[in-house]
Amino acid sequence: MAKEGATYVCDICQQVVVVQKAGAGTLVCCNQPMREYTGD
């Protein structure tokens, strides 16, 4: 589940998503789950 206010990034294409409204499911880009960006 994506967390409201969290930022997610795709490790393949570097697309960035900021979640405005939490919801069920997994954010997917380039056919793989996106990871939560922690500033690293």
N, C-alpha and C. Protein backbone atom coordinates (compact mmCIF):
# COMPACT_ATOMS: atom_id res chain seq x y z
N MET A 1 0.84 -1.18 0.00
CA MET A 1 0.00 0.00 0.00
C MET A 1 0.88 1.24 0.00
N ALA A 2 0.63 2.13 -0.92
CA ALA A 2 1.37 3.39 -0.99
C ALA A 2 0.93 4.32 0.14
N LYS A 3 1.89 4.96 0.77
CA LYS A 3 1.60 5.85 1.89
C LYS A 3 1.41 7.28 1.41
N GLU A 4 0.41 7.94 1.95
CA GLU A 4 0.14 9.33 1.59
C GLU A 4 1.33 10.21 1.95
N GLY A 5 1.77 11.03 1.00
CA GLY A 5 2.89 11.93 1.21
C GLY A 5 4.24 11.31 0.90
N ALA A 6 4.28 10.00 0.68
CA ALA A 6 5.55 9.32 0.39
C ALA A 6 5.95 9.53 -1.07
N THR A 7 7.25 9.43 -1.32
CA THR A 7 7.79 9.55 -2.66
C THR A 7 8.34 8.20 -3.07
N TYR A 8 8.02 7.78 -4.30
CA TYR A 8 8.48 6.49 -4.82
C TYR A 8 9.25 6.73 -6.10
N VAL A 9 10.23 5.87 -6.38
CA VAL A 9 11.08 6.01 -7.56
C VAL A 9 11.22 4.66 -8.25
N CYS A 10 11.31 4.73 -9.58
CA CYS A 10 11.56 3.54 -10.39
C CYS A 10 13.07 3.40 -10.55
N ASP A 11 13.61 2.24 -10.24
CA ASP A 11 15.05 2.02 -10.34
C ASP A 11 15.53 1.90 -11.78
N ILE A 12 14.63 1.67 -12.73
CA ILE A 12 15.03 1.52 -14.12
C ILE A 12 15.05 2.87 -14.85
N CYS A 13 13.94 3.60 -14.82
CA CYS A 13 13.85 4.85 -15.59
C CYS A 13 13.93 6.11 -14.73
N GLN A 14 13.99 5.95 -13.42
CA GLN A 14 14.12 7.06 -12.46
C GLN A 14 12.87 7.94 -12.38
N GLN A 15 11.72 7.44 -12.86
CA GLN A 15 10.44 8.15 -12.72
C GLN A 15 10.15 8.31 -11.23
N VAL A 16 9.66 9.48 -10.83
CA VAL A 16 9.35 9.77 -9.43
C VAL A 16 7.87 10.04 -9.29
N VAL A 17 7.26 9.47 -8.24
CA VAL A 17 5.84 9.65 -7.95
C VAL A 17 5.68 10.08 -6.50
N VAL A 18 4.89 11.14 -6.27
CA VAL A 18 4.54 11.56 -4.92
C VAL A 18 3.08 11.21 -4.71
N VAL A 19 2.79 10.44 -3.67
CA VAL A 19 1.43 9.96 -3.41
C VAL A 19 0.62 11.05 -2.73
N GLN A 20 -0.49 11.41 -3.34
CA GLN A 20 -1.37 12.43 -2.77
C GLN A 20 -2.51 11.82 -1.98
N LYS A 21 -2.91 10.60 -2.34
CA LYS A 21 -3.98 9.91 -1.64
C LYS A 21 -3.62 8.44 -1.55
N ALA A 22 -3.52 7.91 -0.33
CA ALA A 22 -3.15 6.52 -0.12
C ALA A 22 -4.21 5.59 -0.67
N GLY A 23 -3.78 4.42 -1.11
CA GLY A 23 -4.71 3.43 -1.63
C GLY A 23 -4.08 2.05 -1.61
N ALA A 24 -4.89 1.06 -1.84
CA ALA A 24 -4.41 -0.33 -1.86
C ALA A 24 -3.65 -0.60 -3.14
N GLY A 25 -2.77 -1.57 -3.11
CA GLY A 25 -2.04 -1.96 -4.29
C GLY A 25 -0.59 -1.51 -4.25
N THR A 26 0.11 -1.80 -5.32
CA THR A 26 1.54 -1.50 -5.42
C THR A 26 1.77 -0.60 -6.62
N LEU A 27 2.59 0.42 -6.45
CA LEU A 27 2.96 1.27 -7.58
C LEU A 27 3.94 0.51 -8.45
N VAL A 28 3.67 0.47 -9.76
CA VAL A 28 4.50 -0.30 -10.69
C VAL A 28 4.92 0.61 -11.84
N CYS A 29 6.19 0.48 -12.24
CA CYS A 29 6.73 1.19 -13.39
C CYS A 29 7.74 0.25 -14.04
N CYS A 30 7.81 0.25 -15.35
CA CYS A 30 8.75 -0.62 -16.08
C CYS A 30 8.58 -2.08 -15.66
N ASN A 31 7.34 -2.48 -15.41
CA ASN A 31 6.99 -3.86 -15.05
C ASN A 31 7.62 -4.35 -13.75
N GLN A 32 7.95 -3.44 -12.82
CA GLN A 32 8.43 -3.86 -11.51
C GLN A 32 7.95 -2.87 -10.46
N PRO A 33 7.82 -3.32 -9.20
CA PRO A 33 7.36 -2.42 -8.14
C PRO A 33 8.32 -1.26 -7.93
N MET A 34 7.77 -0.08 -7.68
CA MET A 34 8.59 1.08 -7.38
C MET A 34 9.02 1.00 -5.91
N ARG A 35 10.15 1.60 -5.58
CA ARG A 35 10.61 1.59 -4.20
C ARG A 35 10.40 2.97 -3.58
N GLU A 36 10.20 2.97 -2.26
CA GLU A 36 10.03 4.24 -1.57
C GLU A 36 11.36 4.97 -1.53
N TYR A 37 11.35 6.22 -1.92
CA TYR A 37 12.55 7.03 -1.96
C TYR A 37 12.84 7.56 -0.56
N THR A 38 14.06 7.32 -0.08
CA THR A 38 14.43 7.75 1.27
C THR A 38 15.52 8.80 1.26
N GLY A 39 15.83 9.33 0.08
CA GLY A 39 16.83 10.40 -0.01
C GLY A 39 18.24 9.91 -0.25
N ASP A 40 18.41 8.62 -0.53
CA ASP A 40 19.78 8.10 -0.75
C ASP A 40 20.17 8.09 -2.20
